[in-house]
């Protein structure tokens, strides 16, 4: 009995440790319950056999302090366990990285929350494939924001070769998405699990067909396929990623807007459009068409005056801005930095985001609106701006505001809607009448904001694509899109490097040493 009395606690500890090890590393082994029961039995037996000694020891100060510490440790452990249990059901993320590269963008959240049909994703990864953990985290966020409409699973290409062959998967890291209304399920493959590609793929599988955007050419407009600084190749790429089909339109040859046109874009013609071309645009607008017109300073004056019939006035000037914000972006006074937006679906998520409008005219709603037309400004410059009417500013590079010139804030983009004659159409599904269709027009005083040089600057891409989405009547795609994840290395000077090296190696240990010496000397004096 004495042997059991002395070693019962040790036996209990050993049994409990074995049970914990089996629970962690071999959860399917039933023997863990045997060791757990044996450990509890030895512990109770030890308490019974050593009851008198335990009662005597409880009166000592050491045991009381030890018991208090044990209670505090158990209380802390309980708080941690409870916090983990709560976080498992109700979790929140804080992303402190630059550009929020570990969180999905507002546009992705909006697309996921407005899903009308389920979307499933199969991610083909091997256990050692680079980026597997990042892809899992991204797909998990998609599922969280979709309200159950987005589901996903992982598959090993090597272990499921038939499934990979079925979807034509040839490389690790490929994500296959399936979705769409019943009977119209579509499939899209994404070779890299990046947010922008995944969100665009979801848009493609959930929306039937592609909307066609026609870009007018023939009068010195920006070339949609040009890759130079002033070209629109990047704008075309971004529109195609968003499931739009972009085509050129030579109106001078055939002055007719195709029937499948969702948007007609006129990117800053240098010469005026012919009367038959303007008539074709008027006829298109009269049928609830959508037009995106971009102007250029002191160019195509007769054409921009034609826009006044739709409540839009394009002034014969170029906006100069002496705002110090431009110096932060390395641009001059001919590139206004816009941070003030008027309430509209296009700009509803643009608060706090700046856009650059290089070489822009001032564009404003007409004081007297034509019948059936509503127009309002979209973006405005600061008070340090004015509309320069002297064309020699491009040669001299210098300008001063004259009393006759408009001063800021100046509008550089205007949106207009035009009532279309006709009765509201009945909705076959609900029996109610739909609102009468309206033509939509957006006029911007420059095309440079969307060219290859400036499209990626600050909020320019979001503003451009938001205009396209609103004109195409796809308001659920209007938001702030995912930013490119970028790694910014920290570059230190020699002095900063020495400080970073010396602080943890010399300063902090030295401070602790000095404090220790001071405490020892103080205690010796106290004696």
Protein backbone atom coordinates (compact mmCIF):
# COMPACT_ATOMS: atom_id res chain seq x y z
CA UNK A 1 0.00 0.00 0.00
CA UNK A 2 2.89 2.32 0.81
CA UNK A 3 4.30 1.85 -2.72
CA UNK A 4 0.97 2.83 -4.28
CA UNK A 5 0.68 5.78 -1.89
CA UNK A 6 4.08 7.15 -2.95
CA UNK A 7 3.82 6.61 -6.71
CA UNK A 8 0.09 7.04 -7.46
CA UNK A 9 0.55 10.68 -8.56
CA UNK A 10 3.42 9.76 -10.88
CA UNK A 11 1.37 6.96 -12.43
CA UNK A 12 -1.57 9.39 -12.91
CA UNK A 13 0.67 11.91 -14.70
CA UNK A 14 2.15 9.24 -16.98
CA UNK A 15 -1.27 7.86 -17.92
CA UNK A 16 -2.68 11.32 -18.61
CA UNK A 17 0.32 12.25 -20.80
CA UNK A 18 -0.03 9.02 -22.79
CA UNK A 19 -3.76 9.70 -23.26
CA UNK A 20 -3.01 13.25 -24.46
CA UNK A 21 -0.36 11.99 -26.89
CA UNK A 22 -2.73 9.40 -28.35
CA UNK A 23 -5.45 12.07 -28.64
CA UNK A 24 -3.16 14.40 -30.60
CA UNK A 25 -1.21 12.02 -32.83
CA UNK A 26 -3.45 8.92 -33.05
CA UNK A 27 -7.02 10.17 -32.59
CA UNK A 28 -8.56 6.97 -33.89
CA UNK A 29 -6.95 4.67 -31.26
CA UNK A 30 -9.51 3.65 -28.55
CA UNK A 31 -6.70 3.00 -26.04
CA UNK A 32 -6.62 6.72 -25.20
CA UNK A 33 -9.79 6.30 -23.18
CA UNK A 34 -8.20 3.46 -21.18
CA UNK A 35 -5.18 5.60 -20.26
CA UNK A 36 -7.43 8.57 -19.48
CA UNK A 37 -9.55 6.47 -17.11
CA UNK A 38 -6.44 4.98 -15.49
CA UNK A 39 -4.94 8.43 -14.96
CA UNK A 40 -8.10 9.75 -13.30
CA UNK A 41 -8.31 6.62 -11.12
CA UNK A 42 -4.68 6.94 -9.94
CA UNK A 43 -5.22 10.64 -9.23
CA UNK A 44 -8.32 9.97 -7.08
CA UNK A 45 -6.54 7.10 -5.31
CA UNK A 46 -3.60 9.36 -4.49
CA UNK A 47 -5.92 12.01 -3.06
CA UNK A 48 -7.66 9.40 -0.85
CA UNK A 49 -4.45 7.81 0.43
CA UNK A 50 -2.71 11.14 1.03
CA UNK A 51 -5.73 13.00 2.41
CA UNK A 52 -4.13 13.74 5.81
CA UNK A 53 -0.85 14.97 4.34
CA UNK A 54 -2.76 17.10 1.81
CA UNK A 55 -4.86 18.65 4.59
CA UNK A 56 -1.75 19.51 6.59
CA UNK A 57 0.04 20.94 3.56
CA UNK A 58 -2.94 23.14 2.64
CA UNK A 59 -2.24 25.25 5.72
CA UNK A 60 1.24 26.30 4.57
CA UNK A 61 1.86 29.58 2.75
CA UNK A 62 3.63 27.91 -0.17
CA UNK A 63 0.68 25.70 -0.96
CA UNK A 64 -1.76 28.59 -0.68
CA UNK A 65 0.30 30.64 -3.15
CA UNK A 66 0.66 27.63 -5.42
CA UNK A 67 -3.08 26.98 -5.30
CA UNK A 68 -3.81 30.61 -6.16
CA UNK A 69 -1.39 30.49 -9.09
CA UNK A 70 -2.96 27.26 -10.33
CA UNK A 71 -6.45 28.78 -10.11
CA UNK A 72 -5.29 31.85 -12.06
CA UNK A 73 -3.66 29.62 -14.69
CA UNK A 74 -6.86 27.57 -15.06
CA UNK A 75 -8.90 30.79 -15.29
CA UNK A 76 -6.60 32.14 -18.03
CA UNK A 77 -6.81 28.83 -19.86
CA UNK A 78 -10.60 28.93 -19.64
CA UNK A 79 -10.67 32.46 -21.08
CA UNK A 80 -8.45 31.39 -23.98
CA UNK A 81 -10.62 28.35 -24.70
CA UNK A 82 -13.82 30.43 -24.54
CA UNK A 83 -12.31 33.11 -26.83
CA UNK A 84 -11.32 30.45 -29.35
CA UNK A 85 -14.79 28.90 -29.24
CA UNK A 86 -16.42 32.30 -29.82
CA UNK A 87 -14.01 33.22 -32.62
CA UNK A 88 -14.72 29.91 -34.34
CA UNK A 89 -18.36 30.92 -34.79
CA UNK A 90 -17.99 34.71 -34.97
CA UNK A 91 -14.67 35.70 -36.52
CA UNK A 92 -13.43 39.11 -37.72
CA UNK A 93 -10.40 39.94 -39.84
CA UNK A 94 -8.17 43.01 -39.63
CA UNK A 95 -5.92 43.54 -42.61
CA UNK A 96 -3.17 46.08 -41.87
CA UNK A 97 -1.15 45.43 -45.04
CA UNK A 98 -0.67 48.06 -47.75
CA UNK A 99 -3.47 47.99 -50.36
CA UNK A 100 -5.33 45.45 -48.13
CA UNK A 101 -3.74 42.68 -50.18
CA UNK A 102 -4.94 39.99 -47.77
CA UNK A 103 -8.60 41.07 -48.05
CA UNK A 104 -11.00 40.95 -50.96
CA UNK A 105 -12.02 44.22 -52.64
CA UNK A 106 -15.43 45.92 -52.30
CA UNK A 107 -16.27 44.92 -55.88
CA UNK A 108 -15.68 41.23 -55.13
CA UNK A 109 -17.86 41.46 -52.02
CA UNK A 110 -20.61 43.14 -54.02
CA UNK A 111 -20.46 40.53 -56.79
CA UNK A 112 -20.62 37.70 -54.26
CA UNK A 113 -23.51 39.21 -52.30
CA UNK A 114 -25.56 39.72 -55.48
CA UNK A 115 -25.11 36.20 -56.87
CA UNK A 116 -28.42 34.97 -58.22
CA UNK A 117 -27.29 31.43 -58.98
CA UNK A 118 -24.83 29.09 -57.22
CA UNK A 119 -21.17 29.01 -58.24
CA UNK A 120 -18.84 26.14 -57.42
CA UNK A 121 -15.05 26.13 -57.62
CA UNK A 122 -12.58 23.26 -57.78
CA UNK A 123 -8.99 24.21 -56.97
CA UNK A 124 -6.42 21.74 -58.29
CA UNK A 125 -3.44 21.89 -55.95
CA UNK A 126 -0.84 19.45 -54.77
CA UNK A 127 0.10 19.61 -51.09
CA UNK A 128 3.45 21.24 -51.91
CA UNK A 129 2.18 23.59 -54.64
CA UNK A 130 3.28 27.20 -53.97
CA UNK A 131 0.36 29.50 -53.20
CA UNK A 132 -1.92 26.72 -51.96
CA UNK A 133 -2.47 28.33 -48.56
CA UNK A 134 -3.10 31.75 -50.13
CA UNK A 135 -5.65 30.26 -52.52
CA UNK A 136 -7.44 28.46 -49.67
CA UNK A 137 -7.69 31.69 -47.67
CA UNK A 138 -9.00 33.60 -50.71
CA UNK A 139 -11.62 30.98 -51.59
CA UNK A 140 -12.71 30.80 -47.94
CA UNK A 141 -13.32 34.56 -47.98
CA UNK A 142 -15.36 34.20 -51.17
CA UNK A 143 -17.53 31.56 -49.50
CA UNK A 144 -17.99 33.77 -46.43
CA UNK A 145 -19.31 36.77 -48.37
CA UNK A 146 -21.50 34.79 -50.78
CA UNK A 147 -24.13 33.73 -48.25
CA UNK A 148 -23.84 30.09 -49.28
CA UNK A 149 -23.99 30.74 -53.05
CA UNK A 150 -20.24 30.11 -53.55
CA UNK A 151 -18.80 26.71 -52.65
CA UNK A 152 -15.33 25.32 -53.23
CA UNK A 153 -13.15 22.28 -52.66
CA UNK A 154 -9.55 21.22 -53.15
CA UNK A 155 -8.50 18.38 -55.45
CA UNK A 156 -5.06 16.87 -55.99
CA UNK A 157 -4.34 16.67 -59.72
CA UNK A 158 -2.25 13.53 -59.23
CA UNK A 159 -4.87 11.75 -57.13
CA UNK A 160 -7.82 12.76 -59.33
CA UNK A 161 -6.44 12.53 -62.89
CA UNK A 162 -9.85 11.73 -64.39
CA UNK A 163 -11.40 14.87 -62.90
CA UNK A 164 -8.46 16.98 -64.08
CA UNK A 165 -8.78 15.50 -67.57
CA UNK A 166 -12.52 16.21 -67.57
CA UNK A 167 -11.92 19.93 -67.04
CA UNK A 168 -8.77 20.11 -69.16
CA UNK A 169 -6.52 20.99 -66.23
CA UNK A 170 -2.86 20.80 -67.19
CA UNK A 171 -1.08 22.68 -64.41
CA UNK A 172 -1.13 22.86 -60.63
CA UNK A 173 -2.87 25.90 -59.17
CA UNK A 174 -5.72 25.92 -61.71
CA UNK A 175 -9.18 26.84 -60.40
CA UNK A 176 -12.26 25.71 -62.34
CA UNK A 177 -15.51 27.61 -61.76
CA UNK A 178 -18.98 26.44 -62.73
CA UNK A 179 -22.13 28.51 -62.47
CA UNK A 180 -25.08 30.08 -64.19
CA UNK A 181 -28.84 29.65 -64.24
CA UNK A 182 -30.32 26.12 -64.45
CA UNK A 183 -29.79 24.62 -67.87
CA UNK A 184 -27.16 27.25 -68.78
CA UNK A 185 -24.24 26.20 -66.61
CA UNK A 186 -20.95 27.63 -67.88
CA UNK A 187 -17.36 26.79 -66.99
CA UNK A 188 -14.33 29.07 -66.66
CA UNK A 189 -10.73 28.16 -65.89
CA UNK A 190 -8.40 30.42 -63.90
CA UNK A 191 -4.74 29.48 -64.11
CA UNK A 192 -3.69 31.66 -61.17
CA UNK A 193 -5.81 31.97 -58.04
CA UNK A 194 -5.79 35.77 -57.98
CA UNK A 195 -8.74 37.84 -56.83
CA UNK A 196 -9.21 39.88 -60.00
CA UNK A 197 -9.15 36.77 -62.21
CA UNK A 198 -11.50 34.82 -59.93
CA UNK A 199 -14.02 37.66 -59.69
CA UNK A 200 -14.00 38.22 -63.46
CA UNK A 201 -14.51 34.48 -63.97
CA UNK A 202 -17.53 34.55 -61.62
CA UNK A 203 -18.98 37.44 -63.64
CA UNK A 204 -18.50 35.46 -66.85
CA UNK A 205 -20.18 32.27 -65.63
CA UNK A 206 -23.13 34.08 -64.04
CA UNK A 207 -23.95 36.52 -66.85
CA UNK A 208 -25.28 35.29 -70.17
CA UNK A 209 -23.38 36.50 -73.21
CA UNK A 210 -21.09 39.49 -73.59
CA UNK A 211 -22.08 43.13 -73.91
CA UNK A 212 -20.50 44.79 -76.93
CA UNK A 213 -18.74 48.16 -76.71
CA UNK A 214 -18.12 49.95 -80.00
CA UNK A 215 -15.27 52.48 -80.16
CA UNK A 216 -15.62 55.15 -82.85
CA UNK A 217 -12.60 55.81 -85.06
CA UNK A 218 -11.78 57.91 -88.11
CA UNK A 219 -11.24 61.37 -86.60
CA UNK A 220 -7.97 60.94 -84.72
CA UNK A 221 -9.54 59.22 -81.72
CA UNK A 222 -7.43 57.16 -79.33
CA UNK A 223 -6.58 53.79 -80.83
CA UNK A 224 -8.17 51.04 -78.78
CA UNK A 225 -5.39 48.59 -79.65
CA UNK A 226 -2.41 50.97 -79.44
CA UNK A 227 0.19 50.04 -76.81
CA UNK A 228 2.00 53.38 -76.62
CA UNK A 229 1.54 55.82 -73.72
CA UNK A 230 -1.49 57.48 -75.31
CA UNK A 231 -3.12 54.26 -76.51
CA UNK A 232 -6.11 52.46 -75.05
CA UNK A 233 -4.84 48.88 -75.07
CA UNK A 234 -4.94 48.60 -71.28
CA UNK A 235 -8.46 50.04 -71.17
CA UNK A 236 -9.51 47.43 -73.74
CA UNK A 237 -7.89 44.68 -71.68
CA UNK A 238 -9.69 45.80 -68.53
CA UNK A 239 -13.06 45.89 -70.31
CA UNK A 240 -12.52 42.43 -71.78
CA UNK A 241 -11.62 41.09 -68.34
CA UNK A 242 -14.96 42.42 -67.12
CA UNK A 243 -16.74 40.32 -69.79
CA UNK A 244 -17.21 43.04 -72.43
CA UNK A 245 -16.46 42.61 -76.11
CA UNK A 246 -14.70 45.64 -77.61
CA UNK A 247 -14.98 46.44 -81.32
CA UNK A 248 -14.00 49.37 -83.53
CA UNK A 249 -16.68 51.37 -85.34
CA UNK A 250 -15.92 53.34 -88.52
CA UNK A 251 -19.01 55.53 -88.63
CA UNK A 252 -17.80 57.65 -91.55
CA UNK A 253 -17.98 54.60 -93.83
CA UNK A 254 -21.33 53.31 -92.57
CA UNK A 255 -23.17 55.86 -90.37
CA UNK A 256 -25.21 53.34 -88.43
CA UNK A 257 -24.88 52.04 -84.89
CA UNK A 258 -25.07 48.21 -84.80
CA UNK A 259 -28.10 46.72 -83.09
CA UNK A 260 -25.98 44.77 -80.59
CA UNK A 261 -24.22 47.89 -79.27
CA UNK A 262 -24.43 48.19 -75.49
CA UNK A 263 -22.16 51.25 -75.37
CA UNK A 264 -20.70 53.56 -77.99
CA UNK A 265 -17.42 55.15 -76.94
CA UNK A 266 -16.02 58.27 -78.59
CA UNK A 267 -12.46 58.72 -77.21
CA UNK A 268 -11.44 62.32 -77.90
CA UNK A 269 -11.73 62.95 -81.67
CA UNK A 270 -9.28 65.56 -82.96
CA UNK A 271 -11.56 66.64 -85.81
CA UNK A 272 -15.31 67.06 -85.87
CA UNK A 273 -17.60 64.14 -86.61
CA UNK A 274 -19.51 64.40 -89.87
CA UNK A 275 -23.21 65.38 -89.73
CA UNK A 276 -24.29 61.85 -90.69
CA UNK A 277 -22.21 60.42 -87.84
CA UNK A 278 -23.78 62.80 -85.33
CA UNK A 279 -27.18 61.88 -86.72
CA UNK A 280 -26.36 58.19 -86.17
CA UNK A 281 -25.45 58.92 -82.53
CA UNK A 282 -28.65 60.94 -82.10
CA UNK A 283 -30.70 58.06 -83.48
CA UNK A 284 -28.92 55.64 -81.15
CA UNK A 285 -29.60 57.88 -78.13
CA UNK A 286 -33.24 58.19 -79.17
CA UNK A 287 -33.48 54.40 -78.78
CA UNK A 288 -32.18 54.49 -75.18
CA UNK A 289 -28.58 54.13 -76.30
CA UNK A 290 -25.54 54.59 -74.06
CA UNK A 291 -22.71 56.94 -75.10
CA UNK A 292 -19.34 57.53 -73.42
CA UNK A 293 -17.83 60.72 -74.87
CA UNK A 294 -14.30 61.87 -74.05
CA UNK A 295 -13.09 65.25 -75.22
CA UNK A 296 -9.73 67.00 -75.60
CA UNK A 297 -8.73 70.65 -75.08
CA UNK A 298 -9.38 72.89 -78.07
CA UNK A 299 -10.37 69.98 -80.34
CA UNK A 300 -13.57 69.08 -82.26
CA UNK A 301 -15.38 72.18 -81.06
CA UNK A 302 -18.42 71.73 -83.30
CA UNK A 303 -18.88 68.16 -82.04
CA UNK A 304 -18.72 69.12 -78.36
CA UNK A 305 -21.20 71.95 -78.99
CA UNK A 306 -23.55 69.27 -80.36
CA UNK A 307 -23.61 67.79 -76.83
CA UNK A 308 -25.47 70.84 -75.52
CA UNK A 309 -28.70 69.34 -76.87
CA UNK A 310 -28.25 66.72 -74.12
CA UNK A 311 -27.67 69.27 -71.35
CA UNK A 312 -23.85 69.08 -71.36
CA UNK A 313 -21.65 72.15 -71.89
CA UNK A 314 -17.98 71.54 -72.77
CA UNK A 315 -15.99 74.76 -72.33
CA UNK A 316 -13.27 75.88 -74.71
CA UNK A 317 -10.46 75.76 -72.15
CA UNK A 318 -7.93 73.56 -70.38
CA UNK A 319 -8.05 73.18 -66.60
CA UNK A 320 -4.99 74.43 -64.70
CA UNK A 321 -4.59 73.46 -61.05
CA UNK A 322 -1.96 74.77 -58.64
CA UNK A 323 -2.81 72.18 -56.00
CA UNK A 324 0.21 70.90 -53.99
CA UNK A 325 -1.27 67.40 -54.23
CA UNK A 326 0.01 67.25 -57.80
CA UNK A 327 3.57 67.46 -56.53
CA UNK A 328 3.05 64.24 -54.56
CA UNK A 329 2.25 62.44 -57.83
CA UNK A 330 5.04 64.14 -59.76
CA UNK A 331 2.64 65.91 -62.14
CA UNK A 332 2.35 69.53 -63.16
CA UNK A 333 -0.51 72.05 -63.16
CA UNK A 334 -1.95 70.57 -66.38
CA UNK A 335 -2.89 67.39 -64.48
CA UNK A 336 -5.65 68.23 -61.98
CA UNK A 337 -5.95 65.84 -59.03
CA UNK A 338 -9.63 65.23 -58.30
CA UNK A 339 -10.82 64.14 -54.89
CA UNK A 340 -14.32 65.64 -54.83
CA UNK A 341 -17.18 63.64 -56.32
CA UNK A 342 -20.89 64.34 -56.58
CA UNK A 343 -23.42 61.71 -55.39
CA UNK A 344 -24.03 59.15 -58.13
CA UNK A 345 -23.83 55.35 -58.49
CA UNK A 346 -20.60 55.78 -60.49
CA UNK A 347 -18.85 57.58 -57.65
CA UNK A 348 -20.60 56.13 -54.59
CA UNK A 349 -17.49 54.16 -53.55
CA UNK A 350 -14.91 56.71 -54.68
CA UNK A 351 -14.80 58.65 -51.42
CA UNK A 352 -11.20 59.18 -50.28
CA UNK A 353 -9.80 57.99 -53.62
CA UNK A 354 -8.11 60.48 -55.92
CA UNK A 355 -8.19 60.47 -59.72
CA UNK A 356 -5.98 62.25 -62.20
CA UNK A 357 -7.46 64.11 -65.20
CA UNK A 358 -4.56 65.24 -67.43
CA UNK A 359 -5.18 67.93 -70.07
CA UNK A 360 -8.88 68.16 -69.36
CA UNK A 361 -11.55 70.58 -70.39
CA UNK A 362 -14.12 71.82 -67.90
CA UNK A 363 -17.47 70.10 -68.45
CA UNK A 364 -20.65 71.23 -66.73
CA UNK A 365 -24.43 70.70 -66.88
CA UNK A 366 -26.28 73.35 -68.88
CA UNK A 367 -28.04 76.05 -66.88
CA UNK A 368 -31.22 75.48 -68.88
CA UNK A 369 -31.95 71.81 -69.44
CA UNK A 370 -33.63 70.55 -72.61
CA UNK A 371 -36.95 68.82 -72.11
CA UNK A 372 -36.62 65.25 -70.84
CA UNK A 373 -32.92 65.63 -69.93
CA UNK A 374 -31.38 65.42 -66.46
CA UNK A 375 -27.65 66.13 -66.01
CA UNK A 376 -25.34 66.46 -63.03
CA UNK A 377 -21.57 66.75 -62.44
CA UNK A 378 -19.52 63.71 -61.42
CA UNK A 379 -16.07 64.98 -60.46
CA UNK A 380 -14.74 68.43 -59.57
CA UNK A 381 -11.32 69.99 -59.18
CA UNK A 382 -10.14 72.05 -56.21
CA UNK A 383 -10.50 75.79 -55.60
CA UNK A 384 -6.91 76.29 -56.77
CA UNK A 385 -7.92 75.59 -60.38
CA UNK A 386 -9.21 77.64 -63.28
CA UNK A 387 -10.15 77.18 -66.93
CA UNK A 388 -7.31 78.59 -69.06
CA UNK A 389 -8.50 79.82 -72.45
CA UNK A 390 -5.08 80.77 -73.84
CA UNK A 391 -3.93 78.00 -76.20
CA UNK A 392 -0.29 79.09 -75.96
CA UNK A 393 -0.10 77.54 -72.49
CA UNK A 394 1.09 74.30 -74.14
CA UNK A 395 4.10 76.08 -75.65
CA UNK A 396 5.03 78.41 -72.80
CA UNK A 397 4.15 76.12 -69.90
CA UNK A 398 3.06 79.19 -67.93
CA UNK A 399 -0.41 80.51 -67.18
CA UNK A 400 -2.11 82.96 -64.86
CA UNK A 401 -5.86 83.22 -64.26
CA UNK A 402 -7.64 86.10 -65.96
CA UNK A 403 -10.73 87.76 -64.45
CA UNK A 404 -12.85 86.47 -67.35
CA UNK A 405 -11.85 82.83 -66.85
CA UNK A 406 -13.77 80.37 -64.70
CA UNK A 407 -12.25 79.52 -61.35
CA UNK A 408 -12.49 76.33 -59.34
CA UNK A 409 -13.96 74.09 -58.31
CA UNK A 410 -14.60 73.06 -61.91
CA UNK A 411 -16.49 70.01 -63.09
CA UNK A 412 -14.49 67.73 -65.41
CA UNK A 413 -17.11 64.98 -65.90
CA UNK A 414 -20.88 65.08 -66.36
CA UNK A 415 -23.54 62.36 -66.46
CA UNK A 416 -26.87 62.79 -68.24
CA UNK A 417 -30.01 60.76 -68.78
CA UNK A 418 -32.44 61.37 -71.63
CA UNK A 419 -36.08 60.32 -71.57
CA UNK A 420 -37.02 58.12 -74.51
CA UNK A 421 -40.53 58.41 -75.99
CA UNK A 422 -42.63 55.32 -75.36
CA UNK A 423 -44.87 53.64 -72.83
CA UNK A 424 -43.47 51.61 -69.94
CA UNK A 425 -43.32 47.91 -70.75
CA UNK A 426 -45.10 45.29 -68.67
CA UNK A 427 -42.95 42.82 -66.74
CA UNK A 428 -44.11 39.35 -67.73
CA UNK A 429 -42.85 37.86 -64.48
CA UNK A 430 -44.51 40.22 -62.01
CA UNK A 431 -47.25 41.87 -64.06
CA UNK A 432 -46.03 45.35 -63.02
CA UNK A 433 -44.81 47.90 -65.52
CA UNK A 434 -41.10 48.58 -65.83
CA UNK A 435 -39.88 52.19 -65.84
CA UNK A 436 -39.62 53.76 -69.26
CA UNK A 437 -36.13 53.29 -70.73
CA UNK A 438 -33.68 56.18 -70.65
CA UNK A 439 -30.61 56.94 -72.70
CA UNK A 440 -27.44 57.38 -70.68
CA UNK A 441 -24.56 59.71 -71.52
CA UNK A 442 -21.27 60.35 -69.73
CA UNK A 443 -18.98 63.16 -70.93
CA UNK A 444 -15.42 63.54 -69.60
CA UNK A 445 -13.21 66.49 -70.51
CA UNK A 446 -10.20 64.32 -71.34
CA UNK A 447 -9.28 60.91 -72.71
CA UNK A 448 -5.82 60.93 -71.12
CA UNK A 449 -7.18 59.73 -67.78
CA UNK A 450 -7.92 56.34 -69.38
CA UNK A 451 -4.85 55.94 -71.61
CA UNK A 452 -2.01 53.51 -70.96
CA UNK A 453 -0.02 56.10 -69.05
CA UNK A 454 -2.67 57.16 -66.52
CA UNK A 455 -5.21 54.31 -66.32
CA UNK A 456 -3.33 52.67 -63.46
CA UNK A 457 -2.90 55.92 -61.52
CA UNK A 458 -4.80 56.04 -58.23
CA UNK A 459 -8.56 55.65 -58.87
CA UNK A 460 -8.54 56.18 -62.65
CA UNK A 461 -9.20 52.53 -63.50
CA UNK A 462 -12.09 52.32 -61.03
CA UNK A 463 -13.64 55.54 -62.32
CA UNK A 464 -13.34 54.41 -65.96
CA UNK A 465 -14.78 50.92 -65.35
CA UNK A 466 -17.54 52.32 -63.10
CA UNK A 467 -18.63 54.56 -65.97
CA UNK A 468 -18.67 51.56 -68.31
CA UNK A 469 -20.66 49.45 -65.82
CA UNK A 470 -23.23 52.21 -65.26
CA UNK A 471 -23.68 52.80 -68.98
CA UNK A 472 -24.11 49.04 -69.51
CA UNK A 473 -26.75 49.01 -66.74
CA UNK A 474 -24.67 46.67 -64.61
CA UNK A 475 -24.73 48.70 -61.42
CA UNK A 476 -23.82 45.68 -59.30
CA UNK A 477 -20.32 45.81 -60.83
CA UNK A 478 -19.76 49.41 -59.76
CA UNK A 479 -17.24 49.45 -56.92
CA UNK A 480 -13.55 49.59 -56.09
CA UNK A 481 -11.65 46.74 -57.68
CA UNK A 482 -8.82 44.63 -56.35
CA UNK A 483 -5.42 46.28 -56.28
CA UNK A 484 -2.34 44.53 -57.53
CA UNK A 485 -0.58 42.87 -54.58
CA UNK A 486 2.84 44.41 -54.42
CA UNK A 487 5.84 43.82 -52.21
CA UNK A 488 7.57 47.05 -51.22
CA UNK A 489 11.08 46.41 -49.89
CA UNK A 490 12.26 48.59 -47.02
CA UNK A 491 15.32 50.55 -48.16
CA UNK A 492 17.42 51.87 -45.25
CA UNK A 493 20.29 54.29 -45.19
CA UNK A 494 23.57 53.36 -43.49
CA UNK A 495 22.62 55.26 -40.33
CA UNK A 496 19.18 53.61 -40.22
CA UNK A 497 20.75 50.16 -40.69
CA UNK A 498 23.13 50.78 -37.79
CA UNK A 499 20.20 51.92 -35.63
CA UNK A 500 18.14 48.81 -36.46
CA UNK A 501 21.15 46.61 -35.71
CA UNK A 502 22.27 48.35 -32.56
CA UNK A 503 18.90 48.82 -30.86
CA UNK A 504 18.13 45.13 -30.14
CA UNK A 505 21.78 44.02 -29.78
CA UNK A 506 23.27 46.84 -27.69
CA UNK A 507 20.81 49.45 -26.45
CA UNK A 508 18.08 47.21 -25.00
CA UNK A 509 20.44 44.65 -23.34
CA UNK A 510 22.58 47.55 -22.05
CA UNK A 511 19.54 49.23 -20.54
CA UNK A 512 18.55 45.99 -18.75
CA UNK A 513 22.12 45.56 -17.46
CA UNK A 514 22.29 49.13 -16.14
CA UNK A 515 18.91 48.74 -14.42
CA UNK A 516 20.11 45.49 -12.80
CA UNK A 517 23.31 47.09 -11.53
CA UNK A 518 21.34 50.03 -10.14
CA UNK A 519 18.94 47.70 -8.29
CA UNK A 520 21.83 45.69 -6.75
CA UNK A 521 23.61 48.85 -5.57
CA UNK A 522 20.39 50.22 -4.10
CA UNK A 523 19.84 47.02 -2.12
CA UNK A 524 23.42 47.09 -0.78
CA UNK A 525 22.98 50.66 0.43
CA UNK A 526 19.72 49.68 2.12
CA UNK A 527 21.57 47.07 4.20
